[in-house]
N, C-alpha and C. Protein backbone atom coordinates (compact mmCIF):
# COMPACT_ATOMS: atom_id res chain seq x y z
N VAL A 1 -10.40 -6.35 -1.26
CA VAL A 1 -10.06 -7.48 -2.09
C VAL A 1 -8.65 -7.28 -2.62
N GLY A 2 -7.80 -8.24 -2.39
CA GLY A 2 -6.43 -8.16 -2.86
C GLY A 2 -6.23 -9.00 -4.12
N SER A 3 -5.08 -8.84 -4.69
CA SER A 3 -4.73 -9.64 -5.87
C SER A 3 -3.92 -10.84 -5.41
N GLU A 4 -3.55 -11.70 -6.32
CA GLU A 4 -2.75 -12.86 -5.98
C GLU A 4 -1.27 -12.65 -6.24
N MET A 5 -0.93 -11.69 -7.09
CA MET A 5 0.47 -11.41 -7.38
C MET A 5 0.64 -10.05 -8.01
N CYS A 6 1.88 -9.68 -8.18
CA CYS A 6 2.23 -8.38 -8.73
C CYS A 6 2.97 -8.60 -10.06
N ILE A 7 2.39 -8.11 -11.14
CA ILE A 7 3.01 -8.26 -12.46
C ILE A 7 3.11 -6.87 -13.08
N ARG A 8 4.22 -6.61 -13.71
CA ARG A 8 4.41 -5.34 -14.41
C ARG A 8 3.20 -5.10 -15.30
N ASP A 9 2.63 -3.90 -15.21
CA ASP A 9 1.40 -3.65 -15.96
C ASP A 9 1.46 -2.40 -16.83
N ARG A 10 2.62 -2.02 -17.26
CA ARG A 10 2.76 -0.79 -18.05
C ARG A 10 3.43 -1.06 -19.39
N ASN A 11 2.90 -0.40 -20.42
CA ASN A 11 3.55 -0.30 -21.73
C ASN A 11 3.82 -1.63 -22.42
N TYR A 12 2.80 -2.47 -22.54
CA TYR A 12 2.90 -3.69 -23.33
C TYR A 12 2.56 -3.36 -24.78
N ALA A 13 3.43 -3.73 -25.69
CA ALA A 13 3.13 -3.56 -27.11
C ALA A 13 2.08 -4.59 -27.50
N VAL A 14 1.01 -4.15 -28.16
CA VAL A 14 -0.07 -5.05 -28.54
C VAL A 14 -0.43 -4.86 -30.00
N TYR A 15 -1.04 -5.88 -30.56
CA TYR A 15 -1.56 -5.84 -31.92
C TYR A 15 -3.02 -6.27 -31.83
N ILE A 16 -3.93 -5.34 -32.09
CA ILE A 16 -5.36 -5.60 -31.97
C ILE A 16 -6.05 -5.05 -33.22
N SER A 17 -6.84 -5.87 -33.85
CA SER A 17 -7.64 -5.45 -35.01
C SER A 17 -6.81 -4.70 -36.05
N ASN A 18 -5.73 -5.31 -36.47
CA ASN A 18 -4.86 -4.76 -37.52
C ASN A 18 -4.18 -3.44 -37.15
N SER A 19 -4.05 -3.17 -35.88
CA SER A 19 -3.26 -1.99 -35.50
C SER A 19 -2.45 -2.28 -34.25
N THR A 20 -1.37 -1.53 -34.11
CA THR A 20 -0.50 -1.69 -32.96
C THR A 20 -0.76 -0.58 -31.97
N GLY A 21 -0.39 -0.83 -30.73
CA GLY A 21 -0.56 0.17 -29.70
C GLY A 21 0.15 -0.26 -28.43
N VAL A 22 -0.14 0.46 -27.37
CA VAL A 22 0.44 0.17 -26.07
C VAL A 22 -0.71 0.02 -25.08
N LEU A 23 -0.61 -0.98 -24.23
CA LEU A 23 -1.66 -1.28 -23.26
C LEU A 23 -1.05 -1.32 -21.87
N SER A 24 -1.77 -0.82 -20.90
CA SER A 24 -1.31 -0.85 -19.50
C SER A 24 -2.47 -1.26 -18.60
N GLY A 25 -2.13 -1.60 -17.36
CA GLY A 25 -3.13 -1.94 -16.36
C GLY A 25 -3.39 -3.43 -16.28
N THR A 26 -4.45 -3.78 -15.55
CA THR A 26 -4.82 -5.17 -15.36
C THR A 26 -5.06 -5.87 -16.70
N SER A 27 -5.59 -5.13 -17.66
CA SER A 27 -5.83 -5.71 -18.98
C SER A 27 -4.54 -6.13 -19.67
N ALA A 28 -3.43 -5.60 -19.26
CA ALA A 28 -2.13 -5.98 -19.81
C ALA A 28 -1.50 -7.09 -18.97
N ALA A 29 -1.56 -6.97 -17.66
CA ALA A 29 -0.87 -7.91 -16.78
C ALA A 29 -1.56 -9.27 -16.68
N THR A 30 -2.86 -9.29 -16.68
CA THR A 30 -3.59 -10.55 -16.52
C THR A 30 -3.27 -11.56 -17.62
N PRO A 31 -3.26 -11.16 -18.90
CA PRO A 31 -2.89 -12.13 -19.93
C PRO A 31 -1.45 -12.64 -19.80
N VAL A 32 -0.58 -11.86 -19.22
CA VAL A 32 0.80 -12.32 -19.02
C VAL A 32 0.81 -13.53 -18.09
N PHE A 33 0.12 -13.42 -16.97
CA PHE A 33 0.09 -14.55 -16.04
C PHE A 33 -0.72 -15.71 -16.62
N ALA A 34 -1.80 -15.41 -17.32
CA ALA A 34 -2.59 -16.48 -17.94
C ALA A 34 -1.73 -17.27 -18.93
N SER A 35 -0.86 -16.58 -19.65
CA SER A 35 0.01 -17.29 -20.60
C SER A 35 1.03 -18.16 -19.87
N MET A 36 1.48 -17.72 -18.69
CA MET A 36 2.39 -18.56 -17.90
C MET A 36 1.68 -19.85 -17.51
N LEU A 37 0.46 -19.73 -17.01
CA LEU A 37 -0.29 -20.92 -16.59
C LEU A 37 -0.62 -21.81 -17.78
N ALA A 38 -0.92 -21.21 -18.93
CA ALA A 38 -1.21 -22.01 -20.13
C ALA A 38 0.02 -22.82 -20.54
N ALA A 39 1.19 -22.22 -20.47
CA ALA A 39 2.42 -22.93 -20.83
C ALA A 39 2.69 -24.08 -19.85
N ILE A 40 2.46 -23.82 -18.58
CA ILE A 40 2.65 -24.86 -17.56
C ILE A 40 1.64 -25.99 -17.78
N ASN A 41 0.38 -25.64 -18.03
CA ASN A 41 -0.64 -26.67 -18.27
C ASN A 41 -0.34 -27.49 -19.51
N ALA A 42 0.19 -26.88 -20.54
CA ALA A 42 0.52 -27.62 -21.77
C ALA A 42 1.55 -28.71 -21.47
N VAL A 43 2.55 -28.39 -20.67
CA VAL A 43 3.56 -29.40 -20.32
C VAL A 43 2.96 -30.44 -19.39
N ARG A 44 2.13 -30.02 -18.45
CA ARG A 44 1.48 -30.99 -17.56
C ARG A 44 0.67 -32.01 -18.37
N LEU A 45 -0.06 -31.52 -19.36
CA LEU A 45 -0.87 -32.42 -20.18
C LEU A 45 0.01 -33.35 -21.01
N GLN A 46 1.13 -32.84 -21.53
CA GLN A 46 2.07 -33.70 -22.26
C GLN A 46 2.60 -34.82 -21.37
N ARG A 47 2.74 -34.51 -20.09
CA ARG A 47 3.25 -35.50 -19.12
C ARG A 47 2.14 -36.34 -18.51
N LYS A 48 0.94 -36.23 -19.08
CA LYS A 48 -0.24 -36.99 -18.62
C LYS A 48 -0.66 -36.63 -17.20
N LEU A 49 -0.41 -35.38 -16.80
CA LEU A 49 -0.87 -34.86 -15.52
C LEU A 49 -2.13 -34.04 -15.75
N SER A 50 -2.92 -33.85 -14.72
CA SER A 50 -4.12 -33.04 -14.86
C SER A 50 -3.74 -31.55 -14.94
N PRO A 51 -4.61 -30.74 -15.56
CA PRO A 51 -4.34 -29.30 -15.57
C PRO A 51 -4.41 -28.74 -14.15
N LEU A 52 -3.85 -27.57 -13.96
CA LEU A 52 -3.78 -26.98 -12.62
C LEU A 52 -5.15 -26.70 -12.02
N GLY A 53 -6.10 -26.26 -12.83
CA GLY A 53 -7.41 -25.92 -12.29
C GLY A 53 -7.30 -24.70 -11.38
N TYR A 54 -8.00 -24.75 -10.23
CA TYR A 54 -7.96 -23.65 -9.27
C TYR A 54 -6.57 -23.61 -8.65
N VAL A 55 -5.77 -22.65 -9.05
CA VAL A 55 -4.34 -22.66 -8.75
C VAL A 55 -3.97 -21.90 -7.46
N ASN A 56 -4.89 -21.16 -6.88
CA ASN A 56 -4.55 -20.30 -5.75
C ASN A 56 -3.88 -21.05 -4.60
N GLU A 57 -4.42 -22.19 -4.22
CA GLU A 57 -3.83 -22.95 -3.11
C GLU A 57 -2.38 -23.31 -3.39
N ARG A 58 -2.09 -23.72 -4.61
CA ARG A 58 -0.71 -24.05 -4.98
C ARG A 58 0.18 -22.82 -4.92
N LEU A 59 -0.36 -21.67 -5.36
CA LEU A 59 0.44 -20.44 -5.32
C LEU A 59 0.78 -20.06 -3.89
N TYR A 60 -0.19 -20.14 -2.99
CA TYR A 60 0.07 -19.77 -1.60
C TYR A 60 1.13 -20.68 -0.96
N LYS A 61 1.16 -21.93 -1.35
CA LYS A 61 2.17 -22.84 -0.82
C LYS A 61 3.57 -22.47 -1.29
N LEU A 62 3.65 -21.69 -2.38
CA LEU A 62 4.95 -21.27 -2.92
C LEU A 62 5.43 -19.94 -2.36
N LEU A 63 4.65 -19.33 -1.46
CA LEU A 63 5.10 -18.07 -0.85
C LEU A 63 6.46 -18.25 -0.20
N GLY A 64 7.36 -17.33 -0.45
CA GLY A 64 8.69 -17.40 0.12
C GLY A 64 9.64 -18.32 -0.64
N SER A 65 9.15 -18.94 -1.70
CA SER A 65 10.00 -19.83 -2.49
C SER A 65 10.63 -19.05 -3.64
N PRO A 66 11.56 -19.66 -4.36
CA PRO A 66 12.17 -18.99 -5.52
C PRO A 66 11.17 -18.69 -6.65
N ALA A 67 9.93 -19.21 -6.57
CA ALA A 67 8.93 -18.98 -7.61
C ALA A 67 8.41 -17.55 -7.63
N PHE A 68 8.62 -16.82 -6.53
CA PHE A 68 8.16 -15.44 -6.44
C PHE A 68 9.24 -14.53 -5.89
N ARG A 69 9.33 -13.34 -6.46
CA ARG A 69 10.20 -12.29 -5.91
C ARG A 69 9.31 -11.42 -5.03
N ASP A 70 9.63 -11.34 -3.77
CA ASP A 70 8.86 -10.51 -2.84
C ASP A 70 9.07 -9.04 -3.17
N VAL A 71 7.99 -8.29 -3.28
CA VAL A 71 8.05 -6.86 -3.55
C VAL A 71 7.95 -6.15 -2.20
N LEU A 72 8.96 -5.35 -1.87
CA LEU A 72 9.03 -4.74 -0.55
C LEU A 72 8.79 -3.23 -0.55
N LEU A 73 8.74 -2.62 -1.71
CA LEU A 73 8.56 -1.17 -1.79
C LEU A 73 7.25 -0.84 -2.48
N GLY A 74 6.62 0.26 -2.05
CA GLY A 74 5.41 0.73 -2.70
C GLY A 74 4.22 0.60 -1.78
N ALA A 75 3.10 1.12 -2.23
CA ALA A 75 1.86 1.07 -1.46
C ALA A 75 0.68 1.24 -2.40
N GLN A 76 -0.44 0.70 -1.97
CA GLN A 76 -1.69 0.91 -2.67
C GLN A 76 -2.33 2.15 -2.07
N GLY A 77 -3.04 2.92 -2.87
CA GLY A 77 -3.58 4.21 -2.44
C GLY A 77 -4.44 4.16 -1.20
N ALA A 78 -4.50 5.31 -0.53
CA ALA A 78 -5.28 5.45 0.69
C ALA A 78 -6.78 5.44 0.38
N VAL A 79 -7.54 4.92 1.31
CA VAL A 79 -9.00 4.97 1.26
C VAL A 79 -9.47 5.43 2.63
N GLU A 80 -10.74 5.78 2.74
CA GLU A 80 -11.26 6.32 4.00
C GLU A 80 -10.98 5.39 5.18
N GLU A 81 -11.16 4.09 4.96
CA GLU A 81 -10.96 3.12 6.05
C GLU A 81 -9.50 2.93 6.41
N CYS A 82 -8.60 3.30 5.51
CA CYS A 82 -7.16 3.12 5.73
C CYS A 82 -6.43 4.32 5.13
N PRO A 83 -6.39 5.43 5.83
CA PRO A 83 -5.86 6.67 5.26
C PRO A 83 -4.39 6.61 4.85
N ASP A 84 -3.64 5.67 5.39
CA ASP A 84 -2.23 5.55 5.02
C ASP A 84 -2.01 4.62 3.83
N GLY A 85 -3.09 4.02 3.33
CA GLY A 85 -2.96 3.06 2.23
C GLY A 85 -2.49 1.71 2.75
N PHE A 86 -2.13 0.86 1.83
CA PHE A 86 -1.68 -0.48 2.17
C PHE A 86 -0.25 -0.63 1.68
N PRO A 87 0.72 -0.67 2.60
CA PRO A 87 2.13 -0.74 2.17
C PRO A 87 2.55 -2.16 1.79
N ALA A 88 3.52 -2.23 0.90
CA ALA A 88 4.16 -3.51 0.61
C ALA A 88 5.05 -3.86 1.79
N ILE A 89 4.97 -5.10 2.25
CA ILE A 89 5.78 -5.57 3.39
C ILE A 89 6.37 -6.93 3.04
N LYS A 90 7.25 -7.44 3.87
CA LYS A 90 7.84 -8.76 3.66
C LYS A 90 6.74 -9.81 3.71
N GLY A 91 6.75 -10.71 2.74
CA GLY A 91 5.73 -11.75 2.67
C GLY A 91 4.48 -11.26 1.96
N TYR A 92 3.37 -11.92 2.22
CA TYR A 92 2.11 -11.56 1.57
C TYR A 92 1.62 -10.20 2.05
N ASP A 93 1.17 -9.37 1.13
CA ASP A 93 0.56 -8.09 1.47
C ASP A 93 -0.49 -7.77 0.41
N LEU A 94 -1.38 -6.83 0.72
CA LEU A 94 -2.47 -6.51 -0.22
C LEU A 94 -2.00 -5.91 -1.53
N PRO A 95 -1.05 -4.98 -1.56
CA PRO A 95 -0.71 -4.40 -2.87
C PRO A 95 0.04 -5.35 -3.81
N THR A 96 0.88 -6.21 -3.28
CA THR A 96 1.70 -7.05 -4.16
C THR A 96 1.46 -8.55 -3.97
N ALA A 97 0.61 -8.90 -3.03
CA ALA A 97 0.19 -10.28 -2.78
C ALA A 97 1.38 -11.24 -2.64
N CYS A 98 1.43 -12.26 -3.48
CA CYS A 98 2.51 -13.26 -3.42
C CYS A 98 3.84 -12.70 -3.90
N GLY A 99 3.81 -11.60 -4.64
CA GLY A 99 5.01 -11.03 -5.23
C GLY A 99 4.97 -11.19 -6.74
N THR A 100 6.12 -11.03 -7.36
CA THR A 100 6.24 -11.14 -8.81
C THR A 100 6.64 -12.57 -9.18
N PRO A 101 5.85 -13.24 -10.03
CA PRO A 101 6.21 -14.61 -10.40
C PRO A 101 7.47 -14.64 -11.27
N LEU A 102 8.33 -15.59 -10.99
CA LEU A 102 9.54 -15.82 -11.79
C LEU A 102 9.28 -17.11 -12.57
N PHE A 103 9.01 -16.97 -13.87
CA PHE A 103 8.46 -18.07 -14.65
C PHE A 103 9.26 -19.36 -14.55
N ASP A 104 10.58 -19.31 -14.69
CA ASP A 104 11.36 -20.56 -14.67
C ASP A 104 11.15 -21.34 -13.38
N GLU A 105 11.12 -20.64 -12.25
CA GLU A 105 10.94 -21.30 -10.96
C GLU A 105 9.49 -21.71 -10.76
N LEU A 106 8.56 -20.89 -11.20
CA LEU A 106 7.14 -21.23 -11.10
C LEU A 106 6.86 -22.49 -11.94
N PHE A 107 7.45 -22.54 -13.12
CA PHE A 107 7.31 -23.69 -14.00
C PHE A 107 7.80 -24.96 -13.30
N LYS A 108 9.01 -24.90 -12.73
CA LYS A 108 9.56 -26.09 -12.05
C LYS A 108 8.67 -26.54 -10.90
N ALA A 109 8.07 -25.59 -10.19
CA ALA A 109 7.25 -25.92 -9.03
C ALA A 109 5.87 -26.47 -9.42
N LEU A 110 5.33 -26.03 -10.55
CA LEU A 110 3.95 -26.40 -10.88
C LEU A 110 3.82 -27.46 -11.97
N VAL A 111 4.89 -27.82 -12.61
CA VAL A 111 4.79 -28.79 -13.71
C VAL A 111 4.85 -30.23 -13.17
N VAL A 112 4.96 -30.37 -11.87
CA VAL A 112 4.96 -31.68 -11.23
C VAL A 112 3.72 -31.81 -10.35
N ASP A 113 3.38 -33.02 -9.98
CA ASP A 113 2.24 -33.21 -9.07
C ASP A 113 2.68 -33.30 -7.63
């Protein structure tokens, strides 16, 4: 199972239950992308457009566009079925999927119908 994109997932400053700390991993990166989609949906609703809903199809159509920076270096760890791991390559790949979203361009692409 792959992801849909690659978002920085280390060292987010957080405030939880009256204390500050640092959070890393999917628990840090997922809310970052969710907030991007929430901001886009807010503008869509202001413009009397429907919310994005299931966004994956729209994201895949943006592959190779300015909305994503393709990640070309790195690899996901090796497993028995794939001892060399899964390398990042040009275009869609398992470790980095669509790439890193660039909010300004993603916004321009998704705030219209």
